[in-house]
Amino acid sequence: MFQDVFNYKPQEQDYRIWLVLNPAVWLVPILMSVFVLGILIHALLFSVSPYGEYWGGSSEAATEEAAPAPAAE
């Protein structure tokens, strides 16, 4: 069993994935699913991180900072 693991030669055996996944059929759906996953992860991270406020999200701190300063007497 371990001989199979340690005798792995990528140059000789990496073509085998294309025997299972035909790129003519599966390349576009795989790329689209990766794109959708990336968009969802970014949406999640921007919703829970302070960067969402930086890019124009509403927050109480942003409205306080936007208030005009009182005039000096």
N, C-alpha and C. Protein backbone atom coordinates (compact mmCIF):
# COMPACT_ATOMS: atom_id res chain seq x y z
N MET A 1 0.81 -1.19 0.00
CA MET A 1 0.00 0.00 0.00
C MET A 1 0.87 1.26 0.00
N PHE A 2 1.85 1.31 0.90
CA PHE A 2 2.69 2.50 0.96
C PHE A 2 3.63 2.59 -0.23
N GLN A 3 3.89 1.48 -0.89
CA GLN A 3 4.71 1.54 -2.10
C GLN A 3 4.00 2.33 -3.19
N ASP A 4 2.69 2.19 -3.27
CA ASP A 4 1.94 2.96 -4.25
C ASP A 4 2.00 4.46 -3.97
N VAL A 5 2.02 4.81 -2.69
CA VAL A 5 2.06 6.22 -2.33
C VAL A 5 3.44 6.80 -2.63
N PHE A 6 4.46 6.10 -2.24
CA PHE A 6 5.82 6.63 -2.40
C PHE A 6 6.35 6.49 -3.82
N ASN A 7 5.73 5.67 -4.63
CA ASN A 7 6.15 5.52 -6.02
C ASN A 7 5.34 6.39 -6.97
N TYR A 8 4.62 7.33 -6.44
CA TYR A 8 3.79 8.21 -7.27
C TYR A 8 4.68 9.11 -8.12
N LYS A 9 4.43 9.11 -9.42
CA LYS A 9 5.18 9.95 -10.35
C LYS A 9 4.17 10.83 -11.08
N PRO A 10 4.09 12.11 -10.71
CA PRO A 10 3.05 12.98 -11.29
C PRO A 10 3.17 13.11 -12.80
N GLN A 11 4.36 13.13 -13.34
CA GLN A 11 4.51 13.29 -14.79
C GLN A 11 3.89 12.12 -15.55
N GLU A 12 3.83 10.98 -14.92
CA GLU A 12 3.31 9.79 -15.59
C GLU A 12 1.84 9.52 -15.28
N GLN A 13 1.31 10.05 -14.17
CA GLN A 13 -0.01 9.62 -13.73
C GLN A 13 -1.06 10.73 -13.63
N ASP A 14 -0.69 11.97 -13.84
CA ASP A 14 -1.66 13.05 -13.68
C ASP A 14 -2.69 13.11 -14.80
N TYR A 15 -2.45 12.48 -15.89
CA TYR A 15 -3.43 12.48 -16.98
C TYR A 15 -4.69 11.72 -16.61
N ARG A 16 -4.65 10.91 -15.59
CA ARG A 16 -5.76 10.01 -15.28
C ARG A 16 -7.03 10.75 -14.85
N ILE A 17 -6.90 11.95 -14.31
CA ILE A 17 -8.10 12.68 -13.90
C ILE A 17 -8.98 12.96 -15.12
N TRP A 18 -8.37 13.14 -16.29
CA TRP A 18 -9.15 13.45 -17.49
C TRP A 18 -9.81 12.20 -18.07
N LEU A 19 -9.49 11.04 -17.54
CA LEU A 19 -10.23 9.83 -17.91
C LEU A 19 -11.57 9.80 -17.18
N VAL A 20 -11.65 10.50 -16.05
CA VAL A 20 -12.88 10.55 -15.27
C VAL A 20 -13.69 11.80 -15.62
N LEU A 21 -13.00 12.96 -15.69
CA LEU A 21 -13.67 14.23 -16.00
C LEU A 21 -13.34 14.63 -17.43
N ASN A 22 -14.32 14.58 -18.28
CA ASN A 22 -14.13 14.99 -19.66
C ASN A 22 -14.23 16.51 -19.72
N PRO A 23 -13.14 17.21 -20.09
CA PRO A 23 -13.19 18.67 -20.08
C PRO A 23 -14.19 19.25 -21.07
N ALA A 24 -14.51 18.54 -22.13
CA ALA A 24 -15.49 19.04 -23.08
C ALA A 24 -16.88 19.15 -22.45
N VAL A 25 -17.11 18.36 -21.40
CA VAL A 25 -18.41 18.38 -20.74
C VAL A 25 -18.36 19.16 -19.43
N TRP A 26 -17.32 18.97 -18.64
CA TRP A 26 -17.31 19.44 -17.27
C TRP A 26 -16.49 20.69 -17.01
N LEU A 27 -15.72 21.20 -17.94
CA LEU A 27 -14.86 22.35 -17.65
C LEU A 27 -15.67 23.60 -17.35
N VAL A 28 -16.65 23.93 -18.17
CA VAL A 28 -17.45 25.14 -17.94
C VAL A 28 -18.26 25.04 -16.65
N PRO A 29 -18.94 23.93 -16.35
CA PRO A 29 -19.65 23.87 -15.06
C PRO A 29 -18.71 23.96 -13.85
N ILE A 30 -17.53 23.38 -13.95
CA ILE A 30 -16.57 23.47 -12.85
C ILE A 30 -16.14 24.92 -12.66
N LEU A 31 -15.81 25.62 -13.75
CA LEU A 31 -15.39 27.02 -13.64
C LEU A 31 -16.52 27.90 -13.12
N MET A 32 -17.73 27.66 -13.56
CA MET A 32 -18.86 28.45 -13.07
C MET A 32 -19.12 28.20 -11.58
N SER A 33 -18.98 26.97 -11.14
CA SER A 33 -19.19 26.69 -9.72
C SER A 33 -18.09 27.32 -8.87
N VAL A 34 -16.86 27.34 -9.36
CA VAL A 34 -15.77 28.02 -8.65
C VAL A 34 -16.04 29.52 -8.59
N PHE A 35 -16.53 30.10 -9.67
CA PHE A 35 -16.87 31.53 -9.70
C PHE A 35 -17.97 31.85 -8.69
N VAL A 36 -19.03 31.06 -8.67
CA VAL A 36 -20.14 31.29 -7.74
C VAL A 36 -19.67 31.11 -6.30
N LEU A 37 -18.85 30.11 -6.06
CA LEU A 37 -18.32 29.90 -4.71
C LEU A 37 -17.47 31.09 -4.28
N GLY A 38 -16.65 31.61 -5.18
CA GLY A 38 -15.84 32.78 -4.84
C GLY A 38 -16.68 33.99 -4.54
N ILE A 39 -17.74 34.23 -5.31
CA ILE A 39 -18.63 35.35 -5.06
C ILE A 39 -19.33 35.19 -3.71
N LEU A 40 -19.79 34.00 -3.39
CA LEU A 40 -20.46 33.77 -2.12
C LEU A 40 -19.52 33.96 -0.93
N ILE A 41 -18.29 33.48 -1.06
CA ILE A 41 -17.32 33.65 0.03
C ILE A 41 -17.01 35.13 0.23
N HIS A 42 -16.82 35.87 -0.86
CA HIS A 42 -16.55 37.30 -0.73
C HIS A 42 -17.74 38.03 -0.12
N ALA A 43 -18.94 37.68 -0.52
CA ALA A 43 -20.13 38.31 0.05
C ALA A 43 -20.23 38.04 1.55
N LEU A 44 -19.95 36.82 1.95
CA LEU A 44 -19.97 36.48 3.37
C LEU A 44 -18.92 37.27 4.14
N LEU A 45 -17.71 37.33 3.61
CA LEU A 45 -16.64 38.02 4.32
C LEU A 45 -16.89 39.52 4.39
N PHE A 46 -17.43 40.12 3.34
CA PHE A 46 -17.72 41.54 3.40
C PHE A 46 -18.89 41.84 4.33
N SER A 47 -19.77 40.88 4.54
CA SER A 47 -20.91 41.13 5.43
C SER A 47 -20.52 41.03 6.90
N VAL A 48 -19.49 40.28 7.23
CA VAL A 48 -19.11 40.10 8.64
C VAL A 48 -17.84 40.83 9.02
N SER A 49 -17.20 41.49 8.09
CA SER A 49 -15.94 42.16 8.40
C SER A 49 -16.10 43.67 8.36
N PRO A 50 -15.17 44.39 8.94
CA PRO A 50 -15.26 45.85 8.90
C PRO A 50 -15.03 46.44 7.51
N TYR A 51 -14.58 45.64 6.56
CA TYR A 51 -14.36 46.15 5.21
C TYR A 51 -15.66 46.50 4.51
N GLY A 52 -16.76 45.89 4.91
CA GLY A 52 -18.04 46.25 4.33
C GLY A 52 -18.39 47.70 4.61
N GLU A 53 -18.04 48.19 5.81
CA GLU A 53 -18.28 49.60 6.13
C GLU A 53 -17.35 50.50 5.32
N TYR A 54 -16.16 50.03 5.08
CA TYR A 54 -15.20 50.82 4.31
C TYR A 54 -15.68 51.04 2.88
N TRP A 55 -16.35 50.06 2.31
CA TRP A 55 -16.80 50.16 0.92
C TRP A 55 -18.20 50.74 0.80
N GLY A 56 -18.70 51.40 1.81
CA GLY A 56 -19.96 52.10 1.67
C GLY A 56 -21.11 51.50 2.44
N GLY A 57 -20.85 50.56 3.31
CA GLY A 57 -21.92 50.00 4.13
C GLY A 57 -22.33 51.00 5.19
N SER A 58 -23.53 50.88 5.69
CA SER A 58 -24.01 51.82 6.70
C SER A 58 -23.65 51.31 8.09
N SER A 59 -23.27 52.23 8.95
CA SER A 59 -23.02 51.90 10.34
C SER A 59 -23.18 53.17 11.15
N GLU A 60 -23.31 53.02 12.45
CA GLU A 60 -23.47 54.18 13.32
C GLU A 60 -22.19 55.01 13.34
N ALA A 61 -21.04 54.36 13.32
CA ALA A 61 -19.78 55.09 13.36
C ALA A 61 -19.60 55.94 12.11
N ALA A 62 -20.06 55.45 10.98
CA ALA A 62 -19.91 56.20 9.74
C ALA A 62 -20.81 57.43 9.75
N THR A 63 -22.00 57.33 10.34
CA THR A 63 -22.89 58.49 10.38
C THR A 63 -22.39 59.52 11.38
N GLU A 64 -21.77 59.08 12.47
CA GLU A 64 -21.22 60.02 13.43
C GLU A 64 -20.04 60.77 12.83
N GLU A 65 -19.22 60.09 12.08
CA GLU A 65 -18.08 60.73 11.46
C GLU A 65 -18.52 61.71 10.37
N ALA A 66 -19.63 61.45 9.74
CA ALA A 66 -20.10 62.30 8.65
C ALA A 66 -20.78 63.57 9.16
N ALA A 67 -21.11 63.61 10.45
CA ALA A 67 -21.78 64.80 10.99
C ALA A 67 -20.81 65.98 10.98
N PRO A 68 -21.32 67.17 10.68
CA PRO A 68 -20.42 68.33 10.64
C PRO A 68 -19.90 68.69 12.03
N ALA A 69 -18.70 69.17 12.08
CA ALA A 69 -18.09 69.58 13.35
C ALA A 69 -18.72 70.91 13.78
N PRO A 70 -18.85 71.11 15.08
CA PRO A 70 -19.41 72.39 15.55
C PRO A 70 -18.46 73.53 15.23
N ALA A 71 -19.03 74.67 14.93
CA ALA A 71 -18.22 75.84 14.59
C ALA A 71 -17.54 76.41 15.83
N ALA A 72 -16.34 76.89 15.66
CA ALA A 72 -15.62 77.50 16.79
C ALA A 72 -16.22 78.87 17.09
N GLU A 73 -16.24 79.23 18.35
CA GLU A 73 -16.82 80.53 18.74
C GLU A 73 -15.84 81.66 18.56
